[in-house]
PDB file of all heavy atoms in Angstrom:
ATOM      1  N   LYS A   1     -11.084  -1.672  10.675  1.00  0.00           N
ATOM      2  CA  LYS A   1     -12.510  -1.723  10.452  1.00  0.00           C
ATOM      3  C   LYS A   1     -12.939  -0.680   9.453  1.00  0.00           C
ATOM      4  O   LYS A   1     -12.302   0.273   9.215  1.00  0.00           O
ATOM      5  CB  LYS A   1     -13.261  -1.415  11.767  1.00  0.00           C
ATOM      6  CG  LYS A   1     -12.841  -2.296  12.988  1.00  0.00           C
ATOM      7  CD  LYS A   1     -13.197  -3.771  12.732  1.00  0.00           C
ATOM      8  CE  LYS A   1     -12.718  -4.573  13.920  1.00  0.00           C
ATOM      9  NZ  LYS A   1     -12.798  -6.031  13.712  1.00  0.00           N
ATOM     10  N   GLU A   2     -14.069  -0.993   8.785  1.00  0.00           N
ATOM     11  CA  GLU A   2     -14.556  -0.043   7.763  1.00  0.00           C
ATOM     12  C   GLU A   2     -15.842   0.544   8.205  1.00  0.00           C
ATOM     13  O   GLU A   2     -16.696  -0.165   8.753  1.00  0.00           O
ATOM     14  CB  GLU A   2     -14.715  -0.787   6.415  1.00  0.00           C
ATOM     15  CG  GLU A   2     -13.403  -1.341   5.910  1.00  0.00           C
ATOM     16  CD  GLU A   2     -13.651  -2.214   4.652  1.00  0.00           C
ATOM     17  OE1 GLU A   2     -14.825  -2.572   4.341  1.00  0.00           O
ATOM     18  OE2 GLU A   2     -12.641  -2.508   3.990  1.00  0.00           O
ATOM     19  N   PRO A   3     -16.093   1.850   7.941  1.00  0.00           N
ATOM     20  CA  PRO A   3     -15.118   2.805   7.297  1.00  0.00           C
ATOM     21  C   PRO A   3     -14.143   3.300   8.330  1.00  0.00           C
ATOM     22  O   PRO A   3     -14.455   3.451   9.532  1.00  0.00           O
ATOM     23  CB  PRO A   3     -15.999   3.901   6.779  1.00  0.00           C
ATOM     24  CG  PRO A   3     -17.162   3.937   7.737  1.00  0.00           C
ATOM     25  CD  PRO A   3     -17.384   2.489   8.166  1.00  0.00           C
ATOM     26  N   VAL A   4     -12.937   3.658   7.856  1.00  0.00           N
ATOM     27  CA  VAL A   4     -11.946   4.279   8.782  1.00  0.00           C
ATOM     28  C   VAL A   4     -12.255   5.766   8.988  1.00  0.00           C
ATOM     29  O   VAL A   4     -12.655   6.449   8.065  1.00  0.00           O
ATOM     30  CB  VAL A   4     -10.524   4.194   8.102  1.00  0.00           C
ATOM     31  CG1 VAL A   4      -9.492   4.848   8.988  1.00  0.00           C
ATOM     32  CG2 VAL A   4     -10.189   2.687   7.923  1.00  0.00           C
ATOM     33  N   LYS A   5     -12.194   6.176  10.226  1.00  0.00           N
ATOM     34  CA  LYS A   5     -12.521   7.505  10.583  1.00  0.00           C
ATOM     35  C   LYS A   5     -11.591   8.527   9.880  1.00  0.00           C
ATOM     36  O   LYS A   5     -10.368   8.316   9.815  1.00  0.00           O
ATOM     37  CB  LYS A   5     -12.352   7.729  12.116  1.00  0.00           C
ATOM     38  CG  LYS A   5     -12.773   9.080  12.609  1.00  0.00           C
ATOM     39  CD  LYS A   5     -12.645   9.150  14.136  1.00  0.00           C
ATOM     40  CE  LYS A   5     -12.953  10.482  14.649  1.00  0.00           C
ATOM     41  NZ  LYS A   5     -12.892  10.561  16.141  1.00  0.00           N
ATOM     42  N   LYS A   6     -12.139   9.572   9.310  1.00  0.00           N
ATOM     43  CA  LYS A   6     -11.409  10.638   8.685  1.00  0.00           C
ATOM     44  C   LYS A   6     -10.730  11.518   9.717  1.00  0.00           C
ATOM     45  O   LYS A   6     -11.302  11.846  10.716  1.00  0.00           O
ATOM     46  CB  LYS A   6     -12.275  11.495   7.748  1.00  0.00           C
ATOM     47  CG  LYS A   6     -12.871  10.761   6.555  1.00  0.00           C
ATOM     48  CD  LYS A   6     -13.703  11.610   5.670  1.00  0.00           C
ATOM     49  CE  LYS A   6     -14.207  10.846   4.513  1.00  0.00           C
ATOM     50  NZ  LYS A   6     -15.063  11.756   3.602  1.00  0.00           N
ATOM     51  N   PHE A   7      -9.516  11.917   9.431  1.00  0.00           N
ATOM     52  CA  PHE A   7      -8.776  12.725  10.411  1.00  0.00           C
ATOM     53  C   PHE A   7      -7.720  13.610   9.752  1.00  0.00           C
ATOM     54  O   PHE A   7      -7.374  13.303   8.518  1.00  0.00           O
ATOM     55  CB  PHE A   7      -8.075  11.830  11.442  1.00  0.00           C
ATOM     56  CG  PHE A   7      -7.174  10.768  10.865  1.00  0.00           C
ATOM     57  CD1 PHE A   7      -5.845  11.105  10.526  1.00  0.00           C
ATOM     58  CD2 PHE A   7      -7.671   9.533  10.590  1.00  0.00           C
ATOM     59  CE1 PHE A   7      -5.037  10.115  10.006  1.00  0.00           C
ATOM     60  CE2 PHE A   7      -6.870   8.539  10.091  1.00  0.00           C
ATOM     61  CZ  PHE A   7      -5.530   8.836   9.716  1.00  0.00           C
ATOM     62  N   GLU A   8      -7.258  14.619  10.394  1.00  0.00           N
ATOM     63  CA  GLU A   8      -6.249  15.505   9.813  1.00  0.00           C
ATOM     64  C   GLU A   8      -4.904  14.811   9.899  1.00  0.00           C
ATOM     65  O   GLU A   8      -4.600  14.041  10.829  1.00  0.00           O
ATOM     66  CB  GLU A   8      -6.199  16.806  10.607  1.00  0.00           C
ATOM     67  CG  GLU A   8      -7.436  17.660  10.521  1.00  0.00           C
ATOM     68  CD  GLU A   8      -7.318  18.931  11.311  1.00  0.00           C
ATOM     69  OE1 GLU A   8      -6.264  19.173  11.890  1.00  0.00           O
ATOM     70  OE2 GLU A   8      -8.327  19.631  11.374  1.00  0.00           O
ATOM     71  N   LYS A   9      -4.103  15.058   8.888  1.00  0.00           N
ATOM     72  CA  LYS A   9      -2.742  14.348   8.854  1.00  0.00           C
ATOM     73  C   LYS A   9      -1.865  14.677  10.029  1.00  0.00           C
ATOM     74  O   LYS A   9      -1.066  13.857  10.477  1.00  0.00           O
ATOM     75  CB  LYS A   9      -2.009  14.752   7.551  1.00  0.00           C
ATOM     76  CG  LYS A   9      -2.671  14.143   6.270  1.00  0.00           C
ATOM     77  CD  LYS A   9      -1.860  14.432   5.035  1.00  0.00           C
ATOM     78  CE  LYS A   9      -2.427  13.760   3.833  1.00  0.00           C
ATOM     79  NZ  LYS A   9      -1.670  14.100   2.555  1.00  0.00           N
ATOM     80  N   SER A  10      -2.092  15.897  10.573  1.00  0.00           N
ATOM     81  CA  SER A  10      -1.324  16.317  11.770  1.00  0.00           C
ATOM     82  C   SER A  10      -1.598  15.407  12.936  1.00  0.00           C
ATOM     83  O   SER A  10      -0.754  15.250  13.883  1.00  0.00           O
ATOM     84  CB  SER A  10      -1.575  17.743  12.130  1.00  0.00           C
ATOM     85  OG  SER A  10      -2.995  17.947  12.416  1.00  0.00           O
ATOM     86  N   ALA A  11      -2.772  14.759  12.988  1.00  0.00           N
ATOM     87  CA  ALA A  11      -3.109  13.934  14.078  1.00  0.00           C
ATOM     88  C   ALA A  11      -2.387  12.563  14.108  1.00  0.00           C
ATOM     89  O   ALA A  11      -2.407  11.826  15.043  1.00  0.00           O
ATOM     90  CB  ALA A  11      -4.633  13.688  14.116  1.00  0.00           C
ATOM     91  N   LEU A  12      -1.688  12.327  12.973  1.00  0.00           N
ATOM     92  CA  LEU A  12      -0.997  11.025  12.834  1.00  0.00           C
ATOM     93  C   LEU A  12       0.172  10.906  13.910  1.00  0.00           C
ATOM     94  O   LEU A  12       0.612   9.775  14.144  1.00  0.00           O
ATOM     95  CB  LEU A  12      -0.389  10.872  11.413  1.00  0.00           C
ATOM     96  CG  LEU A  12      -1.339  10.410  10.367  1.00  0.00           C
ATOM     97  CD1 LEU A  12      -0.658  10.478   9.001  1.00  0.00           C
ATOM     98  CD2 LEU A  12      -1.850   9.009  10.626  1.00  0.00           C
ATOM     99  N   ILE A  13       0.552  12.032  14.447  1.00  0.00           N
ATOM    100  CA  ILE A  13       1.596  11.987  15.475  1.00  0.00           C
ATOM    101  C   ILE A  13       1.176  11.099  16.682  1.00  0.00           C
ATOM    102  O   ILE A  13       1.969  10.441  17.301  1.00  0.00           O
ATOM    103  CB  ILE A  13       1.944  13.380  15.989  1.00  0.00           C
ATOM    104  CG1 ILE A  13       3.184  13.339  16.901  1.00  0.00           C
ATOM    105  CG2 ILE A  13       0.796  14.076  16.626  1.00  0.00           C
ATOM    106  CD1 ILE A  13       4.444  12.934  16.278  1.00  0.00           C
ATOM    107  N   LEU A  14      -0.131  11.044  16.963  1.00  0.00           N
ATOM    108  CA  LEU A  14      -0.642  10.272  18.104  1.00  0.00           C
ATOM    109  C   LEU A  14      -0.453   8.787  17.935  1.00  0.00           C
ATOM    110  O   LEU A  14       0.149   8.140  18.756  1.00  0.00           O
ATOM    111  CB  LEU A  14      -2.132  10.612  18.375  1.00  0.00           C
ATOM    112  CG  LEU A  14      -2.354  12.028  18.931  1.00  0.00           C
ATOM    113  CD1 LEU A  14      -3.837  12.328  18.962  1.00  0.00           C
ATOM    114  CD2 LEU A  14      -1.750  12.129  20.327  1.00  0.00           C
ATOM    115  N   PRO A  15      -0.932   8.172  16.801  1.00  0.00           N
ATOM    116  CA  PRO A  15      -0.634   6.767  16.630  1.00  0.00           C
ATOM    117  C   PRO A  15       0.840   6.399  16.473  1.00  0.00           C
ATOM    118  O   PRO A  15       1.308   5.309  16.835  1.00  0.00           O
ATOM    119  CB  PRO A  15      -1.432   6.384  15.376  1.00  0.00           C
ATOM    120  CG  PRO A  15      -1.710   7.661  14.696  1.00  0.00           C
ATOM    121  CD  PRO A  15      -1.822   8.654  15.771  1.00  0.00           C
ATOM    122  N   VAL A  16       1.651   7.384  15.973  1.00  0.00           N
ATOM    123  CA  VAL A  16       3.111   7.177  15.874  1.00  0.00           C
ATOM    124  C   VAL A  16       3.618   7.100  17.302  1.00  0.00           C
ATOM    125  O   VAL A  16       4.465   6.139  17.583  1.00  0.00           O
ATOM    126  CB  VAL A  16       3.789   8.328  15.088  1.00  0.00           C
ATOM    127  CG1 VAL A  16       5.279   8.202  15.264  1.00  0.00           C
ATOM    128  CG2 VAL A  16       3.362   8.234  13.618  1.00  0.00           C
ATOM    129  N   LEU A  17       3.228   7.926  18.211  1.00  0.00           N
ATOM    130  CA  LEU A  17       3.705   7.915  19.569  1.00  0.00           C
ATOM    131  C   LEU A  17       3.231   6.622  20.248  1.00  0.00           C
ATOM    132  O   LEU A  17       3.961   6.084  21.091  1.00  0.00           O
ATOM    133  CB  LEU A  17       3.200   9.146  20.308  1.00  0.00           C
ATOM    134  CG  LEU A  17       3.844  10.528  19.938  1.00  0.00           C
ATOM    135  CD1 LEU A  17       3.164  11.636  20.642  1.00  0.00           C
ATOM    136  CD2 LEU A  17       5.329  10.491  20.232  1.00  0.00           C
ATOM    137  N   VAL A  18       1.987   6.230  19.968  1.00  0.00           N
ATOM    138  CA  VAL A  18       1.466   4.946  20.545  1.00  0.00           C
ATOM    139  C   VAL A  18       2.334   3.778  20.088  1.00  0.00           C
ATOM    140  O   VAL A  18       2.724   2.856  20.832  1.00  0.00           O
ATOM    141  CB  VAL A  18       0.009   4.719  20.149  1.00  0.00           C
ATOM    142  CG1 VAL A  18      -0.402   3.287  20.457  1.00  0.00           C
ATOM    143  CG2 VAL A  18      -0.857   5.725  20.853  1.00  0.00           C
ATOM    144  N   PHE A  19       2.649   3.749  18.772  1.00  0.00           N
ATOM    145  CA  PHE A  19       3.531   2.709  18.174  1.00  0.00           C
ATOM    146  C   PHE A  19       4.870   2.663  18.874  1.00  0.00           C
ATOM    147  O   PHE A  19       5.337   1.530  19.327  1.00  0.00           O
ATOM    148  CB  PHE A  19       3.671   3.046  16.691  1.00  0.00           C
ATOM    149  CG  PHE A  19       4.669   2.125  16.022  1.00  0.00           C
ATOM    150  CD1 PHE A  19       4.325   0.843  15.531  1.00  0.00           C
ATOM    151  CD2 PHE A  19       5.995   2.529  15.753  1.00  0.00           C
ATOM    152  CE1 PHE A  19       5.272   0.046  14.906  1.00  0.00           C
ATOM    153  CE2 PHE A  19       6.905   1.735  15.129  1.00  0.00           C
ATOM    154  CZ  PHE A  19       6.564   0.484  14.704  1.00  0.00           C
ATOM    155  N   LEU A  20       5.522   3.832  18.995  1.00  0.00           N
ATOM    156  CA  LEU A  20       6.851   3.905  19.639  1.00  0.00           C
ATOM    157  C   LEU A  20       6.761   3.519  21.163  1.00  0.00           C
ATOM    158  O   LEU A  20       7.593   2.773  21.610  1.00  0.00           O
ATOM    159  CB  LEU A  20       7.421   5.311  19.480  1.00  0.00           C
ATOM    160  CG  LEU A  20       7.814   5.683  18.007  1.00  0.00           C
ATOM    161  CD1 LEU A  20       8.230   7.185  17.962  1.00  0.00           C
ATOM    162  CD2 LEU A  20       8.916   4.772  17.503  1.00  0.00           C
ATOM    163  N   GLY A  21       5.794   4.087  21.823  1.00  0.00           N
ATOM    164  CA  GLY A  21       5.620   3.811  23.274  1.00  0.00           C
ATOM    165  C   GLY A  21       5.367   2.357  23.588  1.00  0.00           C
ATOM    166  O   GLY A  21       6.013   1.803  24.440  1.00  0.00           O
ATOM    167  N   SER A  22       4.482   1.750  22.863  1.00  0.00           N
ATOM    168  CA  SER A  22       4.143   0.333  23.053  1.00  0.00           C
ATOM    169  C   SER A  22       5.391  -0.586  22.745  1.00  0.00           C
ATOM    170  O   SER A  22       5.664  -1.502  23.493  1.00  0.00           O
ATOM    171  CB  SER A  22       2.955  -0.115  22.120  1.00  0.00           C
ATOM    172  OG  SER A  22       1.869   0.638  22.446  1.00  0.00           O
ATOM    173  N   GLY A  23       6.104  -0.200  21.673  1.00  0.00           N
ATOM    174  CA  GLY A  23       7.294  -0.988  21.316  1.00  0.00           C
ATOM    175  C   GLY A  23       8.378  -0.847  22.367  1.00  0.00           C
ATOM    176  O   GLY A  23       9.058  -1.808  22.683  1.00  0.00           O
ATOM    177  N   ILE A  24       8.561   0.383  22.867  1.00  0.00           N
ATOM    178  CA  ILE A  24       9.574   0.636  23.886  1.00  0.00           C
ATOM    179  C   ILE A  24       9.244  -0.164  25.156  1.00  0.00           C
ATOM    180  O   ILE A  24      10.178  -0.705  25.878  1.00  0.00           O
ATOM    181  CB  ILE A  24       9.691   2.151  24.114  1.00  0.00           C
ATOM    182  CG1 ILE A  24      10.332   2.867  22.968  1.00  0.00           C
ATOM    183  CG2 ILE A  24      10.536   2.385  25.397  1.00  0.00           C
ATOM    184  CD1 ILE A  24      10.299   4.333  23.001  1.00  0.00           C
ATOM    185  N   ILE A  25       7.969  -0.199  25.531  1.00  0.00           N
ATOM    186  CA  ILE A  25       7.536  -0.969  26.731  1.00  0.00           C
ATOM    187  C   ILE A  25       7.998  -2.416  26.622  1.00  0.00           C
ATOM    188  O   ILE A  25       8.541  -3.008  27.517  1.00  0.00           O
ATOM    189  CB  ILE A  25       6.068  -0.825  26.990  1.00  0.00           C
ATOM    190  CG1 ILE A  25       5.736   0.573  27.539  1.00  0.00           C
ATOM    191  CG2 ILE A  25       5.566  -1.870  27.984  1.00  0.00           C
ATOM    192  CD1 ILE A  25       4.282   0.891  27.645  1.00  0.00           C
ATOM    193  N   ASP A  26       7.588  -3.019  25.473  1.00  0.00           N
ATOM    194  CA  ASP A  26       7.983  -4.481  25.268  1.00  0.00           C
ATOM    195  C   ASP A  26       9.446  -4.681  25.276  1.00  0.00           C
ATOM    196  O   ASP A  26       9.948  -5.662  25.872  1.00  0.00           O
ATOM    197  CB  ASP A  26       7.315  -4.957  23.963  1.00  0.00           C
ATOM    198  CG  ASP A  26       5.809  -5.235  24.051  1.00  0.00           C
ATOM    199  OD1 ASP A  26       5.338  -5.280  25.224  1.00  0.00           O
ATOM    200  OD2 ASP A  26       5.112  -5.339  23.013  1.00  0.00           O
ATOM    201  N   ALA A  27      10.154  -3.800  24.530  1.00  0.00           N
ATOM    202  CA  ALA A  27      11.619  -3.971  24.467  1.00  0.00           C
ATOM    203  C   ALA A  27      12.268  -3.768  25.804  1.00  0.00           C
ATOM    204  O   ALA A  27      13.214  -4.461  26.230  1.00  0.00           O
ATOM    205  CB  ALA A  27      12.204  -2.942  23.461  1.00  0.00           C
ATOM    206  N   SER A  28      11.719  -2.854  26.630  1.00  0.00           N
ATOM    207  CA  SER A  28      12.284  -2.572  27.940  1.00  0.00           C
ATOM    208  C   SER A  28      11.993  -3.767  28.897  1.00  0.00           C
ATOM    209  O   SER A  28      12.886  -4.106  29.691  1.00  0.00           O
ATOM    210  CB  SER A  28      11.633  -1.321  28.581  1.00  0.00           C
ATOM    211  OG  SER A  28      11.904  -0.186  27.786  1.00  0.00           O
ATOM    212  N   LEU A  29      10.848  -4.360  28.789  1.00  0.00           N
ATOM    213  CA  LEU A  29      10.552  -5.561  29.601  1.00  0.00           C
ATOM    214  C   LEU A  29      11.544  -6.680  29.298  1.00  0.00           C
ATOM    215  O   LEU A  29      12.037  -7.252  30.201  1.00  0.00           O
ATOM    216  CB  LEU A  29       9.131  -6.070  29.200  1.00  0.00           C
ATOM    217  CG  LEU A  29       7.949  -5.468  29.984  1.00  0.00           C
ATOM    218  CD1 LEU A  29       6.665  -6.026  29.396  1.00  0.00           C
ATOM    219  CD2 LEU A  29       8.020  -5.719  31.476  1.00  0.00           C
ATOM    220  N   LYS A  30      11.862  -6.833  28.051  1.00  0.00           N
ATOM    221  CA  LYS A  30      12.887  -7.912  27.656  1.00  0.00           C
ATOM    222  C   LYS A  30      14.267  -7.565  28.199  1.00  0.00           C
ATOM    223  O   LYS A  30      14.917  -8.385  28.738  1.00  0.00           O
ATOM    224  CB  LYS A  30      12.888  -8.031  26.155  1.00  0.00           C
ATOM    225  CG  LYS A  30      14.065  -8.893  25.614  1.00  0.00           C
ATOM    226  CD  LYS A  30      13.982 -10.284  26.173  1.00  0.00           C
ATOM    227  CE  LYS A  30      15.198 -11.170  25.684  1.00  0.00           C
ATOM    228  NZ  LYS A  30      15.217 -12.476  26.360  1.00  0.00           N
ATOM    229  N   TYR A  31      14.623  -6.237  28.094  1.00  0.00           N
ATOM    230  CA  TYR A  31      15.981  -5.847  28.531  1.00  0.00           C
ATOM    231  C   TYR A  31      16.176  -5.997  30.014  1.00  0.00           C
ATOM    232  O   TYR A  31      17.097  -6.568  30.497  1.00  0.00           O
ATOM    233  CB  TYR A  31      16.225  -4.376  28.155  1.00  0.00           C
ATOM    234  CG  TYR A  31      17.510  -3.854  28.657  1.00  0.00           C
ATOM    235  CD1 TYR A  31      18.718  -4.182  27.999  1.00  0.00           C
ATOM    236  CD2 TYR A  31      17.588  -3.074  29.764  1.00  0.00           C
ATOM    237  CE1 TYR A  31      19.950  -3.716  28.490  1.00  0.00           C
ATOM    238  CE2 TYR A  31      18.810  -2.575  30.273  1.00  0.00           C
ATOM    239  CZ  TYR A  31      19.961  -2.928  29.630  1.00  0.00           C
ATOM    240  OH  TYR A  31      21.185  -2.480  30.125  1.00  0.00           O
ATOM    241  N   ILE A  32      15.179  -5.515  30.772  1.00  0.00           N
ATOM    242  CA  ILE A  32      15.239  -5.633  32.238  1.00  0.00           C
ATOM    243  C   ILE A  32      15.235  -7.084  32.672  1.00  0.00           C
ATOM    244  O   ILE A  32      15.987  -7.493  33.556  1.00  0.00           O
ATOM    245  CB  ILE A  32      14.109  -4.836  32.920  1.00  0.00           C
ATOM    246  CG1 ILE A  32      14.234  -3.349  32.621  1.00  0.00           C
ATOM    247  CG2 ILE A  32      14.090  -5.028  34.436  1.00  0.00           C
ATOM    248  CD1 ILE A  32      13.053  -2.479  33.019  1.00  0.00           C
ATOM    249  N   GLN A  33      14.375  -7.878  32.023  1.00  0.00           N
ATOM    250  CA  GLN A  33      14.259  -9.273  32.370  1.00  0.00           C
ATOM    251  C   GLN A  33      15.537 -10.015  32.035  1.00  0.00           C
ATOM    252  O   GLN A  33      15.963 -10.892  32.800  1.00  0.00           O
ATOM    253  CB  GLN A  33      13.089  -9.882  31.595  1.00  0.00           C
ATOM    254  CG  GLN A  33      12.864 -11.380  31.789  1.00  0.00           C
ATOM    255  CD  GLN A  33      13.445 -12.219  30.611  1.00  0.00           C
ATOM    256  OE1 GLN A  33      13.943 -11.659  29.686  1.00  0.00           O
ATOM    257  NE2 GLN A  33      13.351 -13.520  30.767  1.00  0.00           N
ATOM    258  N   GLU A  34      16.161  -9.638  30.934  1.00  0.00           N
ATOM    259  CA  GLU A  34      17.395 -10.359  30.446  1.00  0.00           C
ATOM    260  C   GLU A  34      18.575  -9.968  31.319  1.00  0.00           C
ATOM    261  O   GLU A  34      19.386 -10.883  31.655  1.00  0.00           O
ATOM    262  CB  GLU A  34      17.674  -9.928  29.001  1.00  0.00           C
ATOM    263  CG  GLU A  34      18.895 -10.625  28.370  1.00  0.00           C
ATOM    264  CD  GLU A  34      18.641 -12.009  27.926  1.00  0.00           C
ATOM    265  OE1 GLU A  34      17.435 -12.384  27.737  1.00  0.00           O
ATOM    266  OE2 GLU A  34      19.550 -12.756  27.764  1.00  0.00           O
ATOM    267  N   ILE A  35      18.673  -8.751  31.712  1.00  0.00           N
ATOM    268  CA  ILE A  35      19.904  -8.245  32.352  1.00  0.00           C
ATOM    269  C   ILE A  35      19.833  -8.319  33.865  1.00  0.00           C
ATOM    270  O   ILE A  35      20.822  -8.682  34.527  1.00  0.00           O
ATOM    271  CB  ILE A  35      20.212  -6.773  31.943  1.00  0.00           C
ATOM    272  CG1 ILE A  35      20.316  -6.698  30.432  1.00  0.00           C
ATOM    273  CG2 ILE A  35      21.449  -6.287  32.596  1.00  0.00           C
ATOM    274  CD1 ILE A  35      21.396  -7.535  29.811  1.00  0.00           C
ATOM    275  N   HIS A  36      18.656  -8.018  34.446  1.00  0.00           N
ATOM    276  CA  HIS A  36      18.620  -7.743  35.918  1.00  0.00           C
ATOM    277  C   HIS A  36      17.802  -8.647  36.817  1.00  0.00           C
ATOM    278  O   HIS A  36      18.055  -8.739  37.943  1.00  0.00           O
ATOM    279  CB  HIS A  36      18.073  -6.284  36.116  1.00  0.00           C
ATOM    280  CG  HIS A  36      19.027  -5.209  35.582  1.00  0.00           C
ATOM    281  ND1 HIS A  36      20.278  -5.039  36.053  1.00  0.00           N
ATOM    282  CD2 HIS A  36      18.779  -4.269  34.626  1.00  0.00           C
ATOM    283  CE1 HIS A  36      20.822  -4.028  35.433  1.00  0.00           C
ATOM    284  NE2 HIS A  36      19.966  -3.548  34.544  1.00  0.00           N
TER     285      HIS A  36
END
């Protein structure tokens, strides 16, 4: 959406963690469903 909120570069760690966490959840669902 425009305009994008201005933020400090150090705060980018939060969306990176969200990206990794969300991806791990989906991948884990598939792994547990596939194996167990």
